[in-house]
């Protein structure tokens, strides 16, 4: 991933509509994994619509600083 928030936002703007796998820190020794589609980017956050059938969540948002500080990781599905 790039080293600044502006670069991260530009990279995500180019990939809107693509399938992603998001791994996020959910507390002490807990990691959540979500499959979804990168739907929108805003000046401070980006939104992912989820494909999970585990709960009532249909979308989740993260800040660009989460990527910069490596609290979350994003992998784009090239096969889809």
PDB file of N, CA and C in Angstrom:
ATOM      1  N   UNK A   1       0.837  -1.187   0.000  1.00  0.00           N
ATOM      2  CA  UNK A   1       0.000   0.000   0.000  1.00  0.00           C
ATOM      3  C   UNK A   1       0.881   1.249   0.000  1.00  0.00           C
ATOM      4  N   UNK A   2       0.380   2.327  -0.567  1.00  0.00           N
ATOM      5  CA  UNK A   2       1.118   3.599  -0.591  1.00  0.00           C
ATOM      6  C   UNK A   2       1.358   4.157   0.818  1.00  0.00           C
ATOM      7  N   UNK A   3       2.218   5.172   0.883  1.00  0.00           N
ATOM      8  CA  UNK A   3       2.656   5.699   2.169  1.00  0.00           C
ATOM      9  C   UNK A   3       1.960   6.976   2.604  1.00  0.00           C
ATOM     10  N   UNK A   4       0.960   7.449   1.897  1.00  0.00           N
ATOM     11  CA  UNK A   4       0.239   8.639   2.342  1.00  0.00           C
ATOM     12  C   UNK A   4      -1.261   8.447   2.097  1.00  0.00           C
ATOM     13  N   UNK A   5      -2.049   9.209   2.824  1.00  0.00           N
ATOM     14  CA  UNK A   5      -3.502   9.095   2.711  1.00  0.00           C
ATOM     15  C   UNK A   5      -3.982   9.494   1.320  1.00  0.00           C
ATOM     16  N   UNK A   6      -3.370  10.503   0.734  1.00  0.00           N
ATOM     17  CA  UNK A   6      -3.757  10.954  -0.608  1.00  0.00           C
ATOM     18  C   UNK A   6      -3.502   9.851  -1.633  1.00  0.00           C
ATOM     19  N   UNK A   7      -2.363   9.178  -1.533  1.00  0.00           N
ATOM     20  CA  UNK A   7      -2.052   8.085  -2.462  1.00  0.00           C
ATOM     21  C   UNK A   7      -3.005   6.909  -2.271  1.00  0.00           C
ATOM     22  N   UNK A   8      -3.333   6.599  -1.018  1.00  0.00           N
ATOM     23  CA  UNK A   8      -4.266   5.503  -0.734  1.00  0.00           C
ATOM     24  C   UNK A   8      -5.627   5.799  -1.349  1.00  0.00           C
ATOM     25  N   UNK A   9      -6.115   7.032  -1.176  1.00  0.00           N
ATOM     26  CA  UNK A   9      -7.415   7.412  -1.738  1.00  0.00           C
ATOM     27  C   UNK A   9      -7.409   7.312  -3.254  1.00  0.00           C
ATOM     28  N   UNK A  10      -6.331   7.757  -3.908  1.00  0.00           N
ATOM     29  CA  UNK A  10      -6.244   7.662  -5.371  1.00  0.00           C
ATOM     30  C   UNK A  10      -6.288   6.214  -5.834  1.00  0.00           C
ATOM     31  N   UNK A  11      -5.558   5.343  -5.138  1.00  0.00           N
ATOM     32  CA  UNK A  11      -5.546   3.923  -5.513  1.00  0.00           C
ATOM     33  C   UNK A  11      -6.926   3.301  -5.351  1.00  0.00           C
ATOM     34  N   UNK A  12      -7.627   3.643  -4.280  1.00  0.00           N
ATOM     35  CA  UNK A  12      -8.966   3.090  -4.068  1.00  0.00           C
ATOM     36  C   UNK A  12      -9.976   3.674  -5.050  1.00  0.00           C
ATOM     37  N   UNK A  13      -9.818   4.951  -5.425  1.00  0.00           N
ATOM     38  CA  UNK A  13     -10.710   5.560  -6.418  1.00  0.00           C
ATOM     39  C   UNK A  13     -10.654   4.808  -7.745  1.00  0.00           C
ATOM     40  N   UNK A  14      -9.472   4.301  -8.091  1.00  0.00           N
ATOM     41  CA  UNK A  14      -9.296   3.566  -9.347  1.00  0.00           C
ATOM     42  C   UNK A  14      -9.948   2.192  -9.316  1.00  0.00           C
ATOM     43  N   UNK A  15     -10.233   1.663  -8.113  1.00  0.00           N
ATOM     44  CA  UNK A  15     -10.719   0.285  -7.988  1.00  0.00           C
ATOM     45  C   UNK A  15     -12.169   0.201  -7.502  1.00  0.00           C
ATOM     46  N   UNK A  16     -12.924   1.280  -7.597  1.00  0.00           N
ATOM     47  CA  UNK A  16     -14.326   1.267  -7.168  1.00  0.00           C
ATOM     48  C   UNK A  16     -15.100   0.253  -8.009  1.00  0.00           C
ATOM     49  N   UNK A  17     -15.923  -0.539  -7.345  1.00  0.00           N
ATOM     50  CA  UNK A  17     -16.725  -1.550  -8.013  1.00  0.00           C
ATOM     51  C   UNK A  17     -16.084  -2.920  -8.046  1.00  0.00           C
ATOM     52  N   UNK A  18     -14.879  -3.057  -7.534  1.00  0.00           N
ATOM     53  CA  UNK A  18     -14.186  -4.346  -7.554  1.00  0.00           C
ATOM     54  C   UNK A  18     -14.439  -5.116  -6.256  1.00  0.00           C
ATOM     55  N   UNK A  19     -14.346  -6.446  -6.356  1.00  0.00           N
ATOM     56  CA  UNK A  19     -14.519  -7.323  -5.203  1.00  0.00           C
ATOM     57  C   UNK A  19     -13.263  -7.261  -4.332  1.00  0.00           C
ATOM     58  N   UNK A  20     -13.479  -7.221  -3.002  1.00  0.00           N
ATOM     59  CA  UNK A  20     -12.368  -7.126  -2.068  1.00  0.00           C
ATOM     60  C   UNK A  20     -12.549  -8.102  -0.917  1.00  0.00           C
ATOM     61  N   UNK A  21     -11.442  -8.428  -0.287  1.00  0.00           N
ATOM     62  CA  UNK A  21     -11.411  -9.176   0.962  1.00  0.00           C
ATOM     63  C   UNK A  21     -10.778  -8.251   1.987  1.00  0.00           C
ATOM     64  N   UNK A  22     -11.494  -7.985   3.084  1.00  0.00           N
ATOM     65  CA  UNK A  22     -11.009  -7.084   4.123  1.00  0.00           C
ATOM     66  C   UNK A  22     -10.774  -7.875   5.398  1.00  0.00           C
ATOM     67  N   UNK A  23      -9.574  -7.743   5.948  1.00  0.00           N
ATOM     68  CA  UNK A  23      -9.258  -8.331   7.246  1.00  0.00           C
ATOM     69  C   UNK A  23      -9.006  -7.173   8.196  1.00  0.00           C
ATOM     70  N   UNK A  24      -9.765  -7.151   9.311  1.00  0.00           N
ATOM     71  CA  UNK A  24      -9.689  -6.030  10.249  1.00  0.00           C
ATOM     72  C   UNK A  24      -9.434  -6.531  11.664  1.00  0.00           C
ATOM     73  N   UNK A  25      -8.660  -5.753  12.414  1.00  0.00           N
ATOM     74  CA  UNK A  25      -8.448  -6.024  13.833  1.00  0.00           C
ATOM     75  C   UNK A  25      -9.746  -5.718  14.562  1.00  0.00           C
ATOM     76  N   UNK A  26     -10.262  -6.679  15.321  1.00  0.00           N
ATOM     77  CA  UNK A  26     -11.535  -6.485  16.019  1.00  0.00           C
ATOM     78  C   UNK A  26     -11.347  -6.571  17.523  1.00  0.00           C
ATOM     79  N   UNK A  27     -10.185  -6.296  17.975  1.00  0.00           N
ATOM     80  CA  UNK A  27      -9.917  -6.380  19.406  1.00  0.00           C
ATOM     81  C   UNK A  27      -8.718  -7.268  19.658  1.00  0.00           C
ATOM     82  N   UNK A  28      -8.581  -7.644  20.873  1.00  0.00           N
ATOM     83  CA  UNK A  28      -7.428  -8.431  21.284  1.00  0.00           C
ATOM     84  C   UNK A  28      -7.455  -9.820  20.647  1.00  0.00           C
ATOM     85  N   UNK A  29      -6.497 -10.071  19.795  1.00  0.00           N
ATOM     86  CA  UNK A  29      -6.326 -11.365  19.125  1.00  0.00           C
ATOM     87  C   UNK A  29      -7.545 -11.793  18.319  1.00  0.00           C
ATOM     88  N   UNK A  30      -8.364 -10.835  17.888  1.00  0.00           N
ATOM     89  CA  UNK A  30      -9.527 -11.144  17.056  1.00  0.00           C
ATOM     90  C   UNK A  30      -9.401 -10.425  15.728  1.00  0.00           C
ATOM     91  N   UNK A  31      -9.642 -11.152  14.669  1.00  0.00           N
ATOM     92  CA  UNK A  31      -9.605 -10.585  13.329  1.00  0.00           C
ATOM     93  C   UNK A  31     -10.905 -10.949  12.635  1.00  0.00           C
ATOM     94  N   UNK A  32     -11.556  -9.956  12.037  1.00  0.00           N
ATOM     95  CA  UNK A  32     -12.766 -10.217  11.261  1.00  0.00           C
ATOM     96  C   UNK A  32     -12.417 -10.184   9.783  1.00  0.00           C
ATOM     97  N   UNK A  33     -13.101 -11.009   9.023  1.00  0.00           N
ATOM     98  CA  UNK A  33     -12.885 -11.088   7.586  1.00  0.00           C
ATOM     99  C   UNK A  33     -14.219 -10.875   6.880  1.00  0.00           C
ATOM    100  N   UNK A  34     -14.197  -9.994   5.888  1.00  0.00           N
ATOM    101  CA  UNK A  34     -15.411  -9.699   5.123  1.00  0.00           C
ATOM    102  C   UNK A  34     -15.090  -9.724   3.634  1.00  0.00           C
ATOM    103  N   UNK A  35     -16.033 -10.266   2.857  1.00  0.00           N
ATOM    104  CA  UNK A  35     -15.963 -10.197   1.405  1.00  0.00           C
ATOM    105  C   UNK A  35     -16.989  -9.171   0.965  1.00  0.00           C
ATOM    106  N   UNK A  36     -16.621  -8.332   0.027  1.00  0.00           N
ATOM    107  CA  UNK A  36     -17.564  -7.323  -0.422  1.00  0.00           C
ATOM    108  C   UNK A  36     -17.091  -6.609  -1.671  1.00  0.00           C
ATOM    109  N   UNK A  37     -17.733  -5.487  -1.948  1.00  0.00           N
ATOM    110  CA  UNK A  37     -17.427  -4.678  -3.129  1.00  0.00           C
ATOM    111  C   UNK A  37     -17.122  -3.265  -2.658  1.00  0.00           C
ATOM    112  N   UNK A  38     -16.010  -2.719  -3.106  1.00  0.00           N
ATOM    113  CA  UNK A  38     -15.665  -1.332  -2.803  1.00  0.00           C
ATOM    114  C   UNK A  38     -16.653  -0.450  -3.545  1.00  0.00           C
ATOM    115  N   UNK A  39     -17.520   0.261  -2.801  1.00  0.00           N
ATOM    116  CA  UNK A  39     -18.602   0.973  -3.466  1.00  0.00           C
ATOM    117  C   UNK A  39     -18.365   2.470  -3.602  1.00  0.00           C
ATOM    118  N   UNK A  40     -17.859   3.135  -2.564  1.00  0.00           N
ATOM    119  CA  UNK A  40     -17.678   4.586  -2.634  1.00  0.00           C
ATOM    120  C   UNK A  40     -16.457   5.012  -1.839  1.00  0.00           C
ATOM    121  N   UNK A  41     -15.882   6.128  -2.262  1.00  0.00           N
ATOM    122  CA  UNK A  41     -14.825   6.755  -1.486  1.00  0.00           C
ATOM    123  C   UNK A  41     -15.236   8.190  -1.189  1.00  0.00           C
ATOM    124  N   UNK A  42     -14.938   8.605  -0.001  1.00  0.00           N
ATOM    125  CA  UNK A  42     -15.217   9.959   0.455  1.00  0.00           C
ATOM    126  C   UNK A  42     -13.895  10.581   0.903  1.00  0.00           C
ATOM    127  N   UNK A  43     -13.878  11.873   1.239  1.00  0.00           N
ATOM    128  CA  UNK A  43     -12.608  12.501   1.634  1.00  0.00           C
ATOM    129  C   UNK A  43     -11.903  11.840   2.829  1.00  0.00           C
ATOM    130  N   UNK A  44     -12.641  11.272   3.778  1.00  0.00           N
ATOM    131  CA  UNK A  44     -12.007  10.689   4.957  1.00  0.00           C
ATOM    132  C   UNK A  44     -12.217   9.184   5.102  1.00  0.00           C
ATOM    133  N   UNK A  45     -13.231   8.627   4.429  1.00  0.00           N
ATOM    134  CA  UNK A  45     -13.553   7.207   4.586  1.00  0.00           C
ATOM    135  C   UNK A  45     -13.894   6.584   3.233  1.00  0.00           C
ATOM    136  N   UNK A  46     -13.924   5.240   3.213  1.00  0.00           N
ATOM    137  CA  UNK A  46     -14.414   4.507   2.047  1.00  0.00           C
ATOM    138  C   UNK A  46     -15.405   3.460   2.530  1.00  0.00           C
ATOM    139  N   UNK A  47     -16.333   3.070   1.648  1.00  0.00           N
ATOM    140  CA  UNK A  47     -17.442   2.187   2.011  1.00  0.00           C
ATOM    141  C   UNK A  47     -17.338   0.895   1.216  1.00  0.00           C
ATOM    142  N   UNK A  48     -17.571  -0.218   1.913  1.00  0.00           N
ATOM    143  CA  UNK A  48     -17.585  -1.538   1.283  1.00  0.00           C
ATOM    144  C   UNK A  48     -18.944  -2.168   1.547  1.00  0.00           C
ATOM    145  N   UNK A  49     -19.644  -2.566   0.473  1.00  0.00           N
ATOM    146  CA  UNK A  49     -20.896  -3.308   0.607  1.00  0.00           C
ATOM    147  C   UNK A  49     -20.532  -4.776   0.765  1.00  0.00           C
ATOM    148  N   UNK A  50     -21.060  -5.405   1.800  1.00  0.00           N
ATOM    149  CA  UNK A  50     -20.660  -6.763   2.161  1.00  0.00           C
ATOM    150  C   UNK A  50     -21.493  -7.817   1.465  1.00  0.00           C
ATOM    151  N   UNK A  51     -20.859  -8.957   1.218  1.00  0.00           N
ATOM    152  CA  UNK A  51     -21.528 -10.129   0.667  1.00  0.00           C
ATOM    153  C   UNK A  51     -21.750 -11.190   1.739  1.00  0.00           C
ATOM    154  N   UNK A  52     -21.404 -10.864   2.994  1.00  0.00           N
ATOM    155  CA  UNK A  52     -21.520 -11.837   4.080  1.00  0.00           C
ATOM    156  C   UNK A  52     -22.968 -12.145   4.384  1.00  0.00           C
ATOM    157  N   UNK A  53     -23.222 -13.401   4.781  1.00  0.00           N
ATOM    158  CA  UNK A  53     -24.555 -13.804   5.192  1.00  0.00           C
ATOM    159  C   UNK A  53     -24.581 -14.068   6.693  1.00  0.00           C
ATOM    160  N   UNK A  54     -23.591 -13.570   7.423  1.00  0.00           N
ATOM    161  CA  UNK A  54     -23.458 -13.889   8.840  1.00  0.00           C
ATOM    162  C   UNK A  54     -24.279 -12.982   9.742  1.00  0.00           C
ATOM    163  N   UNK A  55     -24.640 -11.810   9.305  1.00  0.00           N
ATOM    164  CA  UNK A  55     -25.353 -10.889  10.185  1.00  0.00           C
ATOM    165  C   UNK A  55     -26.213  -9.930   9.400  1.00  0.00           C
ATOM    166  N   UNK A  56     -26.595  -8.862  10.046  1.00  0.00           N
ATOM    167  CA  UNK A  56     -27.461  -7.884   9.411  1.00  0.00           C
ATOM    168  C   UNK A  56     -26.682  -6.739   8.780  1.00  0.00           C
ATOM    169  N   UNK A  57     -25.367  -6.761   8.865  1.00  0.00           N
ATOM    170  CA  UNK A  57     -24.567  -5.707   8.248  1.00  0.00           C
ATOM    171  C   UNK A  57     -24.632  -5.827   6.737  1.00  0.00           C
ATOM    172  N   UNK A  58     -24.870  -4.720   6.091  1.00  0.00           N
ATOM    173  CA  UNK A  58     -24.860  -4.759   4.632  1.00  0.00           C
ATOM    174  C   UNK A  58     -23.767  -3.862   4.060  1.00  0.00           C
ATOM    175  N   UNK A  59     -23.199  -3.002   4.893  1.00  0.00           N
ATOM    176  CA  UNK A  59     -22.061  -2.191   4.456  1.00  0.00           C
ATOM    177  C   UNK A  59     -21.239  -1.784   5.668  1.00  0.00           C
ATOM    178  N   UNK A  60     -19.981  -1.494   5.416  1.00  0.00           N
ATOM    179  CA  UNK A  60     -19.068  -1.091   6.480  1.00  0.00           C
ATOM    180  C   UNK A  60     -18.148  -0.012   5.923  1.00  0.00           C
ATOM    181  N   UNK A  61     -17.740   0.917   6.771  1.00  0.00           N
ATOM    182  CA  UNK A  61     -16.844   1.981   6.316  1.00  0.00           C
ATOM    183  C   UNK A  61     -15.562   1.953   7.144  1.00  0.00           C
ATOM    184  N   UNK A  62     -14.481   2.333   6.512  1.00  0.00           N
ATOM    185  CA  UNK A  62     -13.173   2.406   7.148  1.00  0.00           C
ATOM    186  C   UNK A  62     -12.523   3.720   6.753  1.00  0.00           C
ATOM    187  N   UNK A  63     -11.624   4.198   7.573  1.00  0.00           N
ATOM    188  CA  UNK A  63     -10.885   5.404   7.231  1.00  0.00           C
ATOM    189  C   UNK A  63      -9.587   5.013   6.529  1.00  0.00           C
ATOM    190  N   UNK A  64      -9.032   5.951   5.797  1.00  0.00           N
ATOM    191  CA  UNK A  64      -7.776   5.702   5.097  1.00  0.00           C
ATOM    192  C   UNK A  64      -6.634   5.501   6.087  1.00  0.00           C
ATOM    193  N   UNK A  65      -6.752   6.079   7.274  1.00  0.00           N
ATOM    194  CA  UNK A  65      -5.706   5.885   8.288  1.00  0.00           C
ATOM    195  C   UNK A  65      -5.677   4.449   8.791  1.00  0.00           C
ATOM    196  N   UNK A  66      -6.813   3.734   8.713  1.00  0.00           N
ATOM    197  CA  UNK A  66      -6.807   2.319   9.075  1.00  0.00           C
ATOM    198  C   UNK A  66      -5.874   1.528   8.162  1.00  0.00           C
ATOM    199  N   UNK A  67      -5.868   1.850   6.884  1.00  0.00           N
ATOM    200  CA  UNK A  67      -4.944   1.204   5.957  1.00  0.00           C
ATOM    201  C   UNK A  67      -3.512   1.648   6.201  1.00  0.00           C
ATOM    202  N   UNK A  68      -3.335   2.933   6.456  1.00  0.00           N
ATOM    203  CA  UNK A  68      -1.995   3.484   6.666  1.00  0.00           C
ATOM    204  C   UNK A  68      -1.337   2.893   7.911  1.00  0.00           C
ATOM    205  N   UNK A  69      -2.120   2.709   8.977  1.00  0.00           N
ATOM    206  CA  UNK A  69      -1.575   2.156  10.220  1.00  0.00           C
ATOM    207  C   UNK A  69      -1.662   0.631  10.267  1.00  0.00           C
ATOM    208  N   UNK A  70      -2.161   0.027   9.197  1.00  0.00           N
ATOM    209  CA  UNK A  70      -2.264  -1.425   9.055  1.00  0.00           C
ATOM    210  C   UNK A  70      -3.207  -2.068  10.066  1.00  0.00           C
ATOM    211  N   UNK A  71      -4.239  -1.335  10.483  1.00  0.00           N
ATOM    212  CA  UNK A  71      -5.295  -1.927  11.302  1.00  0.00           C
ATOM    213  C   UNK A  71      -6.203  -2.801  10.455  1.00  0.00           C
ATOM    214  N   UNK A  72      -6.263  -2.522   9.158  1.00  0.00           N
ATOM    215  CA  UNK A  72      -6.984  -3.375   8.226  1.00  0.00           C
ATOM    216  C   UNK A  72      -6.082  -3.663   7.033  1.00  0.00           C
ATOM    217  N   UNK A  73      -6.398  -4.732   6.332  1.00  0.00           N
ATOM    218  CA  UNK A  73      -5.713  -5.015   5.064  1.00  0.00           C
ATOM    219  C   UNK A  73      -6.768  -5.337   4.020  1.00  0.00           C
ATOM    220  N   UNK A  74      -6.498  -4.925   2.804  1.00  0.00           N
ATOM    221  CA  UNK A  74      -7.428  -5.137   1.692  1.00  0.00           C
ATOM    222  C   UNK A  74      -6.710  -5.914   0.603  1.00  0.00           C
ATOM    223  N   UNK A  75      -7.387  -6.944   0.102  1.00  0.00           N
ATOM    224  CA  UNK A  75      -6.893  -7.715  -1.039  1.00  0.00           C
ATOM    225  C   UNK A  75      -7.973  -7.703  -2.095  1.00  0.00           C
ATOM    226  N   UNK A  76      -7.639  -7.275  -3.289  1.00  0.00           N
ATOM    227  CA  UNK A  76      -8.603  -7.236  -4.386  1.00  0.00           C
ATOM    228  C   UNK A  76      -8.618  -8.580  -5.080  1.00  0.00           C
ATOM    229  N   UNK A  77      -9.833  -9.084  -5.393  1.00  0.00           N
ATOM    230  CA  UNK A  77      -9.993 -10.342  -6.109  1.00  0.00           C
ATOM    231  C   UNK A  77      -9.779 -10.095  -7.581  1.00  0.00           C
ATOM    232  N   UNK A  78      -8.692 -10.592  -8.122  1.00  0.00           N
ATOM    233  CA  UNK A  78      -8.386 -10.402  -9.534  1.00  0.00           C
ATOM    234  C   UNK A  78      -9.202 -11.362 -10.406  1.00  0.00           C
ATOM    235  N   UNK A  79      -9.668 -12.472  -9.849  1.00  0.00           N
ATOM    236  CA  UNK A  79     -10.375 -13.483 -10.635  1.00  0.00           C
ATOM    237  C   UNK A  79     -11.799 -13.064 -10.985  1.00  0.00           C
ATOM    238  N   UNK A  80     -12.398 -12.186 -10.195  1.00  0.00           N
ATOM    239  CA  UNK A  80     -13.818 -11.845 -10.392  1.00  0.00           C
ATOM    240  C   UNK A  80     -13.998 -10.841 -11.498  1.00  0.00           C
TER     241      UNK A  80
END
